[in-house]
Structures are given as C-alpha cells and as structure tokens.
Amino acid sequence: MVALIAAGTWFIAVRSRGETIDSLAVLPFTNASGDPNTDYLSDGITESLINSLSQLPNIRVTSRNSAFRYKGKEVDPKTVGRELGVRAVLTGRIVQRGDDLTISSDLVDTQRDRELWGEHYNRKISDLPAVQEDISGQISTNLRLRLTSEEKKRLTKGITENSDAYQFYLKGRYFWNKRTPTETQKAIEYLQQAIDKDPGYALAYAGLADCYVIPAAPVSRTVASPRAKAAARKALELDDTLAEAHTSLAYASLFDYDWPAAEKEFRRAFEPNPNYPTAHHWYAQYLSAMGRLDEALAEAKQAERLDPLSPIILWNVGQTLVFARDYNRGIEQFKRALEVDPDNFSAHSGIASVREHQGNYENALDEWEKAFALFLGSPKDRAQLQADVAGVRKALRLSGKKGYYQAILKIFLRGPEKDQDPYKLAIAYSSLGEKDRAFEQLERIYQAHDYSVVQAKVDPYLDPLRSDPRFAELLRRMGLAQ
C-alpha cells in the first residue's frame, strides 16, 4: 500500500511537471528606483513582455489594461489568478542606478501556489533588449509551451538590438498610454527618436501609427489619418505580421470611409494575433458602422473576454447595445465600467445618453454633471458647471424636452466657433427639429473626417433625421447603404 501511494504521488508530480499552462498575467513590474522618471522602464518592459507573449498560440495572456489595474498594489498571485482567471502570474522588480540595471522576476503557478521560475539580472541598461528576450524565453520554457522554431522567433520579433532605440520606444509607449494631446505629442517625439536610432524598427513605426489614430492625436483628423497610414504601412513593410500595425491601418481607414480596406486590415490583424483585444474592440466599431450589430456585439464581447478590466472596452460593449436600442442592457454595461473605474467619463456619458434616449432628462443631467466634473479642477470651472446644470434643469422643468435642448444648445454655442463641437450641435439641432442646421453640422463633421459621423447609420441621436433625403445622401457619400 505504501509503495502504491508513493508511486501514485510520483506519477502525479511528474504529470504536473509536464502539464502545459495555458493562461498568464504579466503584472506591472515595480519601479524600485525611487525615481518616477524611470517608470517608463518598469511599465515598458511589462508591456513589451505582454505583447511578445501574446503572439504565441495556445496561451491566453491578460491584456495590458487588465494587468495594469494592479499597478502600485500589494498583490497575492493566487488572488490575482482567481480574479483574472489565469493559471500563472509573472511579477517583477526593477532598480536603475545610472547605467546599472537590476531586474528580478518570478513566475508563479497560481493553482498550485508554487514558483515555476525566478531569476535575478544585474546588467547594464544597454543590455535591456537582451534581458527582455531572455525573460520571454524562460517564461515560455517554464510554462511548457513546446514552441516550434517559428513560434520561438515570435518572442523576439520586433526587439531592436539598439538599446537607445529601445529606450526611446519604451518612453514613447509610456506617454502614449496617458492618452492626452500633450502626452501623445511627447510619445510621437520619442518614437521618432527611436526610428532615427534604428530606421528598421517596425514596432516604433506601429507605435507612431497608434499615436495618430487615437482621439488624443495632437493634430487635426485630416492630418492625423494620412500620418497614421504612412507609419502603419512602413511598419508592415518591415514586418507584415504586426497585428498592431494592421489594426491601426484599419482604424485609420475608417476616417476616410474606406470600409473594404478597414475590414481587410482588421482580418489581417487577427491572423498573427487573434488575442489582440484592441483589434476586436475597433473591429466591433467598424461592424457597428456597417449596421452589422449582431456581429459587432460578438466582437465587442470577445474584446471584453480578452480584456475584462478595460473601462473603454466595457463601454464599447454598452455602446454597441445602445446602437441596437437595447438600452437597459447598455446601462448595465456602463455601470460595470464604473465598477472598474468610478471616474470614467465615457461610462457616465453613456448612461446620460441612454437616459436622454429614454426621455429621462433629469437623470441624464445628473450623469452629465458627474462626467464633466471629472475634467474640472478650478473652483471657477466647477461653479460654472453647477450654474449650467441648474440653468438646464430650470429650462427642462419649464418647457420639457424643448427647453432642455435649447438650454444645452446655448451652452454648446458659447465661445468661438473653432472650439465648438459640431456633433453636439447636430444632436441639439436634431432634437429641436431644426434639420437644416443639424445637416450643416453633419457636413462639417463629414468634411473634417471626424469619427463621430462614422456611426451615423446606427446612432439613435440621428433618428429624427433619417426620413430626410439628405440623410440618405450623407450615407451614400460615406459609402454606406441606408
């Protein structure tokens, strides 16, 4: 009996050592240098590891958005494994002192609560690309992924041998993730420096394309779109298997209403990396624009499965439900986004828009006030917001829906024309039945290639205009069927 028990224990142990682990979370490496200016290193290495490991088949790697929810927190790998639904967790720590770099990392099996691998590196910062390459290789080995030679190449794909270029790339991605016009401009400058150091650095071109497709691009859309396309095409010329570059090229095509090109590039993005959540997220928006809402919702939910703690992806699922006129489920989804990020502007504005579609303008005002308060720091600005909300509320109680939109229109028209949002004006005019003025604003949006008109086919705010022949003509010019 003792012999049988011993043999059984040995068999289980051997079998567990040979078991492939199919899911992983790379948590943000801790910046232990005491200098916030080196955050780009800890964040950048984390993101680079996530991106390289995501290229591999047969393993699900938690996205950056979900992993970075744990930044700066004391974490227990077993708890993280349960919350993110992953079998293994990688943690790390970085200390930089001048040109000296110390990196430690640990890979833990969250199910068995045991270390799979750990390593301590003392290197010069010029060795940083090689260290990342080694960590990626060690992880794949200790997860027992049994990679082919081609799959092993994916782990090092895009890693430049030029240490300066790599550091500029990490800085660029660090500032790109801030998603403000000022920080995005910094990202562009750093990525351009990376390209100057290594003109064959495909990932740097892909990063540059990403800077020009996001709403925070520091230039107009008519300028940003061609720049995004040029950078993405250069990245693909150097490496046509970059999912990020195909995705950015697809998204840039939306602004030019080049729907066939957009769909082609989205599908190309899924070939090298079917688990890239941004590709599914943006593809869902493309499908919504096409009016293919069942497919759009499926893609949005797939992005959510891959990145369950991303507020913007949770919002996108809600917005897709709103386009399908499923308002109650849309509200539920926006509330989920707020559970992840209580200060999320998009989720608050999503709830506000649904309340407007439902005719619940009092509640809509409450949500709009919460949303815009997030951007206001000075007492003067907060006082102005409170006064505006009070004015709209008074107009609503006096004149109902008409008073509500008249008061809002007055706020939207405040200030110089160049600072006015034509989409908001189009909504207000449409809601007031002033169709001529609404179409004037839609034409401004169309000519500027602003993203807001891309969803014209399904946006509930534009329902009052759909019976007008000018609306069908707008869709025709955009290449969309009524």
Protein backbone atom coordinates (compact mmCIF):
# COMPACT_ATOMS: atom_id res chain seq x y z
CA MET A 1 0.00 0.00 0.00
CA VAL A 2 2.83 2.38 0.92
CA ALA A 3 4.53 1.54 -2.36
CA LEU A 4 1.34 2.23 -4.32
CA ILE A 5 0.81 5.56 -2.60
CA ALA A 6 4.44 6.53 -3.28
CA ALA A 7 4.13 5.52 -6.92
CA GLY A 8 0.88 7.45 -7.30
CA THR A 9 2.39 10.55 -5.74
CA TRP A 10 5.39 10.31 -8.06
CA PHE A 11 3.12 9.87 -11.10
CA ILE A 12 1.03 12.96 -10.22
CA ALA A 13 4.15 15.02 -9.63
CA VAL A 14 5.67 14.02 -12.96
CA ARG A 15 2.41 14.63 -14.79
CA SER A 16 2.02 18.08 -13.22
CA ARG A 17 5.58 18.98 -14.23
CA GLY A 18 4.71 18.17 -17.82
CA GLU A 19 1.40 19.98 -17.82
CA THR A 20 1.14 22.98 -20.14
CA ILE A 21 -0.13 26.17 -18.52
CA ASP A 22 -2.48 27.97 -20.92
CA SER A 23 -3.07 31.39 -19.31
CA LEU A 24 -0.80 34.09 -17.91
CA ALA A 25 -0.92 37.57 -16.40
CA VAL A 26 2.19 39.76 -16.53
CA LEU A 27 1.74 42.23 -13.68
CA PRO A 28 3.34 45.69 -13.80
CA PHE A 29 6.96 45.47 -12.74
CA THR A 30 7.68 47.53 -9.64
CA ASN A 31 9.88 50.58 -10.10
CA ALA A 32 12.06 50.27 -7.01
CA SER A 33 14.48 53.03 -8.07
CA GLY A 34 12.64 55.71 -6.13
CA ASP A 35 12.59 57.89 -9.27
CA PRO A 36 9.26 58.32 -11.08
CA ASN A 37 11.18 59.35 -14.21
CA THR A 38 12.13 55.70 -14.66
CA ASP A 39 8.53 54.49 -14.63
CA TYR A 40 8.82 54.17 -18.37
CA LEU A 41 11.25 51.28 -17.85
CA SER A 42 9.09 49.24 -15.48
CA ASP A 43 5.90 49.94 -17.44
CA GLY A 44 7.59 49.48 -20.79
CA ILE A 45 9.20 46.14 -20.01
CA THR A 46 5.87 44.88 -18.67
CA GLU A 47 4.01 45.95 -21.80
CA SER A 48 6.69 44.56 -24.10
CA LEU A 49 6.53 41.17 -22.38
CA ILE A 50 2.74 41.16 -22.66
CA ASN A 51 2.93 41.98 -26.37
CA SER A 52 5.60 39.40 -27.21
CA LEU A 53 3.98 36.58 -25.22
CA SER A 54 0.57 37.40 -26.73
CA GLN A 55 1.97 36.38 -30.12
CA LEU A 56 2.18 32.77 -29.01
CA PRO A 57 -0.52 30.19 -29.76
CA ASN A 58 -2.26 28.11 -27.13
CA ILE A 59 -1.84 30.66 -24.33
CA ARG A 60 -4.07 33.50 -23.24
CA VAL A 61 -2.15 36.49 -21.92
CA THR A 62 -4.09 39.06 -19.91
CA SER A 63 -4.09 42.42 -21.67
CA ARG A 64 -2.22 45.47 -20.53
CA ASN A 65 -5.36 47.28 -19.37
CA SER A 66 -6.41 44.49 -17.05
CA ALA A 67 -2.89 43.81 -15.77
CA PHE A 68 -2.18 47.47 -15.01
CA ARG A 69 -5.17 47.67 -12.68
CA TYR A 70 -2.77 46.13 -10.16
CA LYS A 71 -0.03 48.73 -10.57
CA GLY A 72 1.25 50.06 -7.25
CA LYS A 73 -0.70 47.49 -5.22
CA GLU A 74 0.46 44.71 -2.97
CA VAL A 75 -0.72 41.60 -4.74
CA ASP A 76 -1.05 37.92 -3.96
CA PRO A 77 -0.50 35.90 -7.16
CA LYS A 78 -3.13 33.35 -6.14
CA THR A 79 -5.74 36.10 -5.68
CA VAL A 80 -4.79 37.71 -9.00
CA GLY A 81 -5.05 34.33 -10.69
CA ARG A 82 -8.58 33.92 -9.40
CA GLU A 83 -9.64 37.49 -10.31
CA LEU A 84 -8.22 37.36 -13.84
CA GLY A 85 -8.89 33.69 -14.45
CA VAL A 86 -5.25 32.82 -15.21
CA ARG A 87 -3.11 29.86 -14.24
CA ALA A 88 0.21 31.71 -13.91
CA VAL A 89 1.32 35.18 -12.82
CA LEU A 90 4.64 36.91 -13.56
CA THR A 91 5.81 39.64 -11.19
CA GLY A 92 8.98 41.70 -11.38
CA ARG A 93 11.05 44.46 -9.83
CA ILE A 94 13.44 46.95 -11.46
CA VAL A 95 16.16 49.13 -9.92
CA GLN A 96 18.17 51.56 -12.05
CA ARG A 97 21.28 53.27 -10.74
CA GLY A 98 22.93 55.25 -13.51
CA ASP A 99 23.82 52.75 -16.23
CA ASP A 100 23.37 49.78 -13.90
CA LEU A 101 20.13 47.84 -14.03
CA THR A 102 18.86 45.17 -11.66
CA ILE A 103 15.80 43.16 -12.69
CA SER A 104 14.23 40.35 -10.72
CA SER A 105 11.24 38.33 -11.88
CA ASP A 106 9.16 35.44 -10.55
CA LEU A 107 6.71 33.15 -12.31
CA VAL A 108 4.10 31.56 -10.04
CA ASP A 109 1.63 28.75 -10.67
CA THR A 110 -1.48 30.27 -9.06
CA GLN A 111 -3.38 26.99 -8.95
CA ARG A 112 -0.69 25.08 -7.08
CA ASP A 113 0.67 28.19 -5.32
CA ARG A 114 4.29 27.45 -6.16
CA GLU A 115 7.11 29.18 -8.01
CA LEU A 116 7.78 27.91 -11.50
CA TRP A 117 10.79 30.08 -12.19
CA GLY A 118 12.69 33.03 -10.77
CA GLU A 119 15.72 34.98 -11.91
CA HIS A 120 17.83 37.96 -10.87
CA TYR A 121 19.66 40.01 -13.52
CA ASN A 122 22.46 42.52 -12.92
CA ARG A 123 23.15 44.17 -16.26
CA LYS A 124 23.97 47.44 -17.94
CA ILE A 125 20.99 49.32 -19.32
CA SER A 126 22.44 48.75 -22.78
CA ASP A 127 21.64 45.03 -22.25
CA LEU A 128 17.94 45.71 -21.69
CA PRO A 129 16.69 44.23 -25.00
CA ALA A 130 18.63 41.03 -24.35
CA VAL A 131 17.22 40.76 -20.82
CA GLN A 132 13.66 41.05 -22.11
CA GLU A 133 14.39 38.40 -24.72
CA ASP A 134 15.75 36.06 -22.05
CA ILE A 135 12.77 36.58 -19.74
CA SER A 136 10.32 35.82 -22.58
CA GLY A 137 12.21 32.64 -23.43
CA GLN A 138 12.35 31.49 -19.80
CA ILE A 139 8.62 32.05 -19.39
CA SER A 140 7.74 30.00 -22.47
CA THR A 141 10.04 27.21 -21.31
CA ASN A 142 8.66 27.10 -17.77
CA LEU A 143 5.06 27.26 -18.97
CA ARG A 144 5.95 24.18 -21.03
CA LEU A 145 4.56 25.62 -24.25
CA ARG A 146 6.65 23.36 -26.54
CA LEU A 147 7.20 26.01 -29.20
CA THR A 148 8.21 25.40 -32.78
CA SER A 149 11.24 27.25 -34.15
CA GLU A 150 8.91 29.69 -35.90
CA GLU A 151 6.99 30.35 -32.70
CA LYS A 152 10.23 30.96 -30.82
CA LYS A 153 11.08 33.67 -33.34
CA ARG A 154 7.84 35.46 -32.45
CA LEU A 155 9.09 36.01 -28.92
CA THR A 156 11.92 38.20 -30.18
CA LYS A 157 10.04 39.69 -33.12
CA GLY A 158 10.46 43.44 -33.27
CA ILE A 159 13.05 43.68 -30.49
CA THR A 160 15.76 46.04 -31.69
CA GLU A 161 19.40 45.45 -30.85
CA ASN A 162 19.85 49.20 -30.45
CA SER A 163 19.45 49.91 -26.74
CA ASP A 164 18.89 53.66 -27.24
CA ALA A 165 16.14 52.99 -29.78
CA TYR A 166 14.52 50.53 -27.39
CA GLN A 167 14.52 53.03 -24.51
CA PHE A 168 13.03 55.74 -26.74
CA TYR A 169 10.36 53.22 -27.80
CA LEU A 170 9.53 52.41 -24.18
CA LYS A 171 9.25 56.13 -23.39
CA GLY A 172 7.01 56.63 -26.41
CA ARG A 173 4.64 53.86 -25.38
CA TYR A 174 4.67 55.10 -21.79
CA PHE A 175 3.43 58.56 -22.82
CA TRP A 176 1.04 57.14 -25.45
CA ASN A 177 -0.78 55.29 -22.70
CA LYS A 178 -1.52 58.62 -20.98
CA ARG A 179 -3.96 59.42 -23.85
CA THR A 180 -3.88 63.24 -23.65
CA PRO A 181 -2.84 65.53 -26.55
CA THR A 182 0.20 66.82 -24.62
CA GLU A 183 1.42 63.36 -23.64
CA THR A 184 0.69 61.96 -27.10
CA GLN A 185 2.89 64.67 -28.62
CA LYS A 186 5.70 63.54 -26.30
CA ALA A 187 5.08 59.96 -27.41
CA ILE A 188 5.41 60.97 -31.07
CA GLU A 189 8.72 62.72 -30.37
CA TYR A 190 10.18 59.73 -28.52
CA LEU A 191 9.02 57.23 -31.13
CA GLN A 192 10.53 59.36 -33.87
CA GLN A 193 13.81 59.33 -31.96
CA ALA A 194 13.58 55.55 -31.77
CA ILE A 195 13.15 55.44 -35.55
CA ASP A 196 16.08 57.82 -36.04
CA LYS A 197 18.27 55.46 -33.98
CA ASP A 198 17.01 52.36 -35.80
CA PRO A 199 15.21 53.05 -39.14
CA GLY A 200 14.30 49.36 -39.35
CA TYR A 201 12.43 49.31 -36.02
CA ALA A 202 8.95 48.13 -37.09
CA LEU A 203 7.37 48.40 -33.64
CA ALA A 204 8.35 52.07 -33.39
CA TYR A 205 6.50 52.80 -36.64
CA ALA A 206 3.49 50.85 -35.34
CA GLY A 207 3.59 52.93 -32.15
CA LEU A 208 3.71 56.12 -34.21
CA ALA A 209 0.63 54.99 -36.14
CA ASP A 210 -1.18 54.36 -32.85
CA CYS A 211 -0.44 57.94 -31.78
CA TYR A 212 -2.26 59.33 -34.79
CA VAL A 213 -5.40 57.15 -34.66
CA ILE A 214 -6.47 57.87 -31.07
CA PRO A 215 -8.75 60.84 -30.23
CA ALA A 216 -5.87 62.46 -28.33
CA ALA A 217 -3.81 62.88 -31.52
CA PRO A 218 -2.31 66.39 -31.28
CA VAL A 219 -3.21 67.29 -34.88
CA SER A 220 -6.44 67.51 -36.87
CA ARG A 221 -8.01 64.33 -38.18
CA THR A 222 -7.30 65.31 -41.80
CA VAL A 223 -3.60 65.47 -40.90
CA ALA A 224 -3.57 62.53 -38.46
CA SER A 225 -5.14 59.95 -40.77
CA PRO A 226 -2.51 60.15 -43.56
CA ARG A 227 0.29 60.12 -40.99
CA ALA A 228 -1.19 57.08 -39.26
CA LYS A 229 -1.47 55.23 -42.56
CA ALA A 230 2.07 56.09 -43.61
CA ALA A 231 3.55 54.91 -40.31
CA ALA A 232 1.47 51.71 -40.28
CA ARG A 233 2.42 50.87 -43.87
CA LYS A 234 6.09 51.41 -43.09
CA ALA A 235 5.79 49.09 -40.08
CA LEU A 236 4.16 46.43 -42.26
CA GLU A 237 6.79 46.88 -44.95
CA LEU A 238 9.34 45.93 -42.29
CA ASP A 239 7.19 43.22 -40.65
CA ASP A 240 3.81 42.34 -42.14
CA THR A 241 2.92 40.14 -39.15
CA LEU A 242 2.46 43.06 -36.72
CA ALA A 243 -1.14 42.90 -35.51
CA GLU A 244 -0.82 46.41 -34.03
CA ALA A 245 0.10 47.95 -37.37
CA HIS A 246 -2.70 46.16 -39.28
CA THR A 247 -5.15 47.34 -36.60
CA SER A 248 -4.01 50.97 -36.75
CA LEU A 249 -4.14 50.95 -40.54
CA ALA A 250 -7.67 49.52 -40.38
CA TYR A 251 -8.81 52.13 -37.89
CA ALA A 252 -7.28 54.99 -39.89
CA SER A 253 -9.23 53.73 -42.91
CA LEU A 254 -12.49 54.35 -41.04
CA PHE A 255 -11.84 58.09 -41.07
CA ASP A 256 -11.54 58.00 -44.85
CA TYR A 257 -14.71 55.91 -45.12
CA ASP A 258 -12.65 53.22 -46.85
CA TRP A 259 -14.69 50.33 -45.49
CA PRO A 260 -13.24 47.49 -47.66
CA ALA A 261 -9.67 48.46 -46.64
CA ALA A 262 -10.68 48.62 -42.99
CA GLU A 263 -12.22 45.15 -42.98
CA LYS A 264 -9.28 43.68 -44.87
CA GLU A 265 -6.75 45.03 -42.36
CA PHE A 266 -8.79 44.00 -39.33
CA ARG A 267 -8.90 40.45 -40.65
CA ARG A 268 -5.15 40.57 -41.33
CA ALA A 269 -4.61 41.65 -37.73
CA PHE A 270 -6.31 38.53 -36.39
CA GLU A 271 -4.01 36.17 -38.32
CA PRO A 272 -0.79 36.74 -36.31
CA ASN A 273 -2.54 37.57 -33.04
CA PRO A 274 -6.20 36.56 -32.63
CA ASN A 275 -5.99 37.60 -28.95
CA TYR A 276 -5.22 41.30 -29.51
CA PRO A 277 -8.16 42.97 -27.69
CA THR A 278 -7.84 46.35 -29.42
CA ALA A 279 -8.34 44.71 -32.80
CA HIS A 280 -11.62 43.15 -31.65
CA HIS A 281 -12.63 46.41 -29.95
CA TRP A 282 -12.11 48.53 -33.07
CA TYR A 283 -13.47 45.86 -35.40
CA ALA A 284 -16.69 45.96 -33.37
CA GLN A 285 -16.90 49.68 -34.07
CA TYR A 286 -16.41 49.03 -37.78
CA LEU A 287 -19.19 46.42 -37.76
CA SER A 288 -21.50 48.86 -35.95
CA ALA A 289 -20.83 51.46 -38.64
CA MET A 290 -21.85 48.86 -41.21
CA GLY A 291 -25.08 48.20 -39.30
CA ARG A 292 -24.00 44.60 -38.61
CA LEU A 293 -24.89 44.91 -34.94
CA ASP A 294 -25.11 41.21 -34.03
CA GLU A 295 -21.56 40.70 -35.31
CA ALA A 296 -20.45 43.94 -33.65
CA LEU A 297 -21.73 42.80 -30.28
CA ALA A 298 -19.98 39.44 -30.65
CA GLU A 299 -16.67 41.19 -31.38
CA ALA A 300 -17.15 43.66 -28.53
CA LYS A 301 -17.81 40.78 -26.14
CA GLN A 302 -14.72 38.96 -27.43
CA ALA A 303 -12.65 42.07 -26.65
CA GLU A 304 -14.21 42.07 -23.18
CA ARG A 305 -13.27 38.42 -22.63
CA LEU A 306 -9.68 39.21 -23.58
CA ASP A 307 -9.54 42.42 -21.54
CA PRO A 308 -12.21 42.15 -18.79
CA LEU A 309 -10.99 45.12 -16.73
CA SER A 310 -10.68 47.69 -19.51
CA PRO A 311 -13.21 50.51 -18.94
CA ILE A 312 -13.14 51.60 -22.58
CA ILE A 313 -13.83 48.05 -23.81
CA LEU A 314 -16.64 47.64 -21.26
CA TRP A 315 -18.01 50.96 -22.50
CA ASN A 316 -17.78 49.75 -26.10
CA VAL A 317 -19.98 46.76 -25.32
CA GLY A 318 -22.52 49.14 -23.77
CA GLN A 319 -22.37 51.49 -26.74
CA THR A 320 -22.96 48.62 -29.15
CA LEU A 321 -26.05 47.65 -27.15
CA VAL A 322 -27.25 51.27 -27.35
CA PHE A 323 -26.83 51.21 -31.14
CA ALA A 324 -29.04 48.09 -31.09
CA ARG A 325 -31.59 50.09 -28.98
CA ASP A 326 -31.11 47.64 -26.09
CA TYR A 327 -30.97 50.48 -23.59
CA ASN A 328 -31.40 48.56 -20.35
CA ARG A 329 -28.52 46.19 -21.07
CA GLY A 330 -26.48 49.15 -22.24
CA ILE A 331 -26.99 50.84 -18.86
CA GLU A 332 -25.92 47.65 -17.08
CA GLN A 333 -22.71 47.54 -19.12
CA PHE A 334 -21.87 51.20 -18.42
CA LYS A 335 -22.36 50.53 -14.72
CA ARG A 336 -19.91 47.63 -14.97
CA ALA A 337 -17.38 50.03 -16.47
CA LEU A 338 -17.92 52.36 -13.50
CA GLU A 339 -17.30 49.49 -11.07
CA VAL A 340 -13.85 49.13 -12.65
CA ASP A 341 -13.26 52.89 -12.90
CA PRO A 342 -15.67 55.14 -10.97
CA ASP A 343 -14.17 58.21 -12.66
CA ASN A 344 -14.70 57.03 -16.21
CA PHE A 345 -16.09 59.85 -18.35
CA SER A 346 -17.29 57.59 -21.16
CA ALA A 347 -19.36 55.40 -18.83
CA HIS A 348 -21.06 58.39 -17.17
CA SER A 349 -21.76 59.98 -20.55
CA GLY A 350 -23.03 56.62 -21.85
CA ILE A 351 -25.61 56.44 -19.06
CA ALA A 352 -26.53 60.09 -19.69
CA SER A 353 -27.11 59.45 -23.39
CA VAL A 354 -29.34 56.44 -22.68
CA ARG A 355 -31.39 58.48 -20.24
CA GLU A 356 -31.85 61.11 -22.95
CA HIS A 357 -32.99 58.44 -25.42
CA GLN A 358 -35.46 57.23 -22.78
CA GLY A 359 -36.71 60.76 -22.10
CA ASN A 360 -35.39 60.78 -18.53
CA TYR A 361 -33.69 64.17 -18.76
CA GLU A 362 -33.41 64.81 -15.01
CA ASN A 363 -31.31 61.68 -14.57
CA ALA A 364 -29.36 62.47 -17.74
CA LEU A 365 -28.36 65.82 -16.24
CA ASP A 366 -27.11 64.10 -13.10
CA GLU A 367 -24.82 61.87 -15.17
CA TRP A 368 -23.61 64.69 -17.42
CA GLU A 369 -22.68 66.69 -14.35
CA LYS A 370 -20.69 63.75 -12.95
CA ALA A 371 -18.97 63.25 -16.31
CA PHE A 372 -17.85 66.83 -16.90
CA ALA A 373 -16.88 67.38 -13.27
CA LEU A 374 -14.07 64.88 -13.84
CA PHE A 375 -12.25 67.40 -16.05
CA LEU A 376 -12.69 70.48 -13.89
CA GLY A 377 -10.09 71.39 -11.31
CA SER A 378 -10.63 75.07 -10.54
CA PRO A 379 -13.44 76.34 -8.29
CA LYS A 380 -14.44 78.77 -11.05
CA ASP A 381 -14.96 76.00 -13.59
CA ARG A 382 -16.89 73.86 -11.12
CA ALA A 383 -19.11 76.81 -10.26
CA GLN A 384 -19.79 77.38 -13.97
CA LEU A 385 -20.73 73.71 -14.42
CA GLN A 386 -23.16 73.87 -11.48
CA ALA A 387 -24.70 77.04 -12.89
CA ASP A 388 -25.07 75.47 -16.33
CA VAL A 389 -26.73 72.34 -14.92
CA ALA A 390 -29.07 74.46 -12.80
CA GLY A 391 -30.00 76.50 -15.87
CA VAL A 392 -30.74 73.42 -17.98
CA ARG A 393 -32.73 71.88 -15.15
CA LYS A 394 -34.83 75.02 -14.82
CA ALA A 395 -35.48 75.13 -18.58
CA LEU A 396 -36.45 71.43 -18.53
CA ARG A 397 -38.99 71.98 -15.79
CA LEU A 398 -40.45 74.99 -17.56
CA SER A 399 -40.54 73.73 -21.16
CA GLY A 400 -39.77 70.00 -21.11
CA LYS A 401 -37.60 68.44 -23.81
CA LYS A 402 -37.57 71.61 -25.93
CA GLY A 403 -36.38 73.73 -23.04
CA TYR A 404 -33.73 71.12 -22.17
CA TYR A 405 -32.14 71.16 -25.63
CA GLN A 406 -32.50 74.91 -26.07
CA ALA A 407 -30.56 75.46 -22.85
CA ILE A 408 -27.93 72.89 -23.83
CA LEU A 409 -27.59 74.44 -27.29
CA LYS A 410 -26.89 77.80 -25.68
CA ILE A 411 -24.03 76.22 -23.72
CA PHE A 412 -22.67 74.45 -26.82
CA LEU A 413 -22.62 77.74 -28.78
CA ARG A 414 -20.63 79.51 -26.10
CA GLY A 415 -17.18 80.66 -27.20
CA PRO A 416 -15.53 80.89 -30.63
CA GLU A 417 -16.81 78.69 -33.45
CA LYS A 418 -13.49 76.85 -33.80
CA ASP A 419 -13.92 75.48 -30.26
CA GLN A 420 -17.50 74.29 -30.79
CA ASP A 421 -18.25 70.58 -31.19
CA PRO A 422 -20.27 70.11 -34.41
CA TYR A 423 -21.51 66.68 -33.33
CA LYS A 424 -23.02 68.05 -30.11
CA LEU A 425 -24.57 70.89 -32.09
CA ALA A 426 -26.01 68.41 -34.61
CA ILE A 427 -27.61 66.44 -31.76
CA ALA A 428 -29.14 69.55 -30.23
CA TYR A 429 -30.48 70.86 -33.54
CA SER A 430 -31.80 67.43 -34.47
CA SER A 431 -33.59 67.09 -31.12
CA LEU A 432 -35.16 70.53 -31.60
CA GLY A 433 -36.36 69.67 -35.09
CA GLU A 434 -34.02 72.23 -36.73
CA LYS A 435 -32.98 69.91 -39.52
CA ASP A 436 -31.25 72.44 -41.78
CA ARG A 437 -28.85 73.43 -39.03
CA ALA A 438 -28.36 69.82 -38.00
CA PHE A 439 -27.29 68.89 -41.53
CA GLU A 440 -24.93 71.87 -41.66
CA GLN A 441 -23.12 70.47 -38.63
CA LEU A 442 -23.09 66.93 -40.03
CA GLU A 443 -21.49 68.29 -43.19
CA ARG A 444 -18.79 69.96 -41.08
CA ILE A 445 -18.12 66.61 -39.39
CA TYR A 446 -18.06 64.75 -42.71
CA GLN A 447 -15.61 67.20 -44.28
CA ALA A 448 -13.32 67.04 -41.21
CA HIS A 449 -13.37 63.22 -41.20
CA ASP A 450 -14.36 63.31 -37.54
CA TYR A 451 -15.07 59.89 -36.07
CA SER A 452 -18.47 60.87 -34.64
CA VAL A 453 -20.19 60.65 -38.02
CA VAL A 454 -18.82 57.15 -38.71
CA GLN A 455 -21.67 55.68 -36.64
CA ALA A 456 -24.37 57.72 -38.43
CA LYS A 457 -26.14 54.62 -39.68
CA VAL A 458 -26.92 53.36 -36.16
CA ASP A 459 -26.69 56.39 -33.82
CA PRO A 460 -30.07 56.91 -32.05
CA TYR A 461 -29.38 60.65 -31.74
CA LEU A 462 -29.78 60.98 -35.50
CA ASP A 463 -33.11 59.12 -35.71
CA PRO A 464 -35.12 62.36 -36.22
CA LEU A 465 -33.15 62.96 -39.44
CA ARG A 466 -33.44 59.53 -41.05
CA SER A 467 -36.58 60.24 -43.08
CA ASP A 468 -34.96 63.30 -44.71
CA PRO A 469 -33.46 62.60 -48.19
CA ARG A 470 -30.33 64.49 -47.12
CA PHE A 471 -29.56 61.78 -44.60
CA ALA A 472 -29.63 59.04 -47.24
CA GLU A 473 -27.37 61.23 -49.38
CA LEU A 474 -24.90 61.64 -46.49
CA LEU A 475 -24.74 57.86 -46.04
CA ARG A 476 -24.30 57.40 -49.80
CA ARG A 477 -21.33 59.76 -49.87
CA MET A 478 -19.82 57.87 -46.94
CA GLY A 479 -20.21 54.61 -48.85
CA LEU A 480 -22.91 53.32 -46.53
CA ALA A 481 -26.29 51.93 -47.58
CA GLN A 482 -29.42 53.38 -45.87
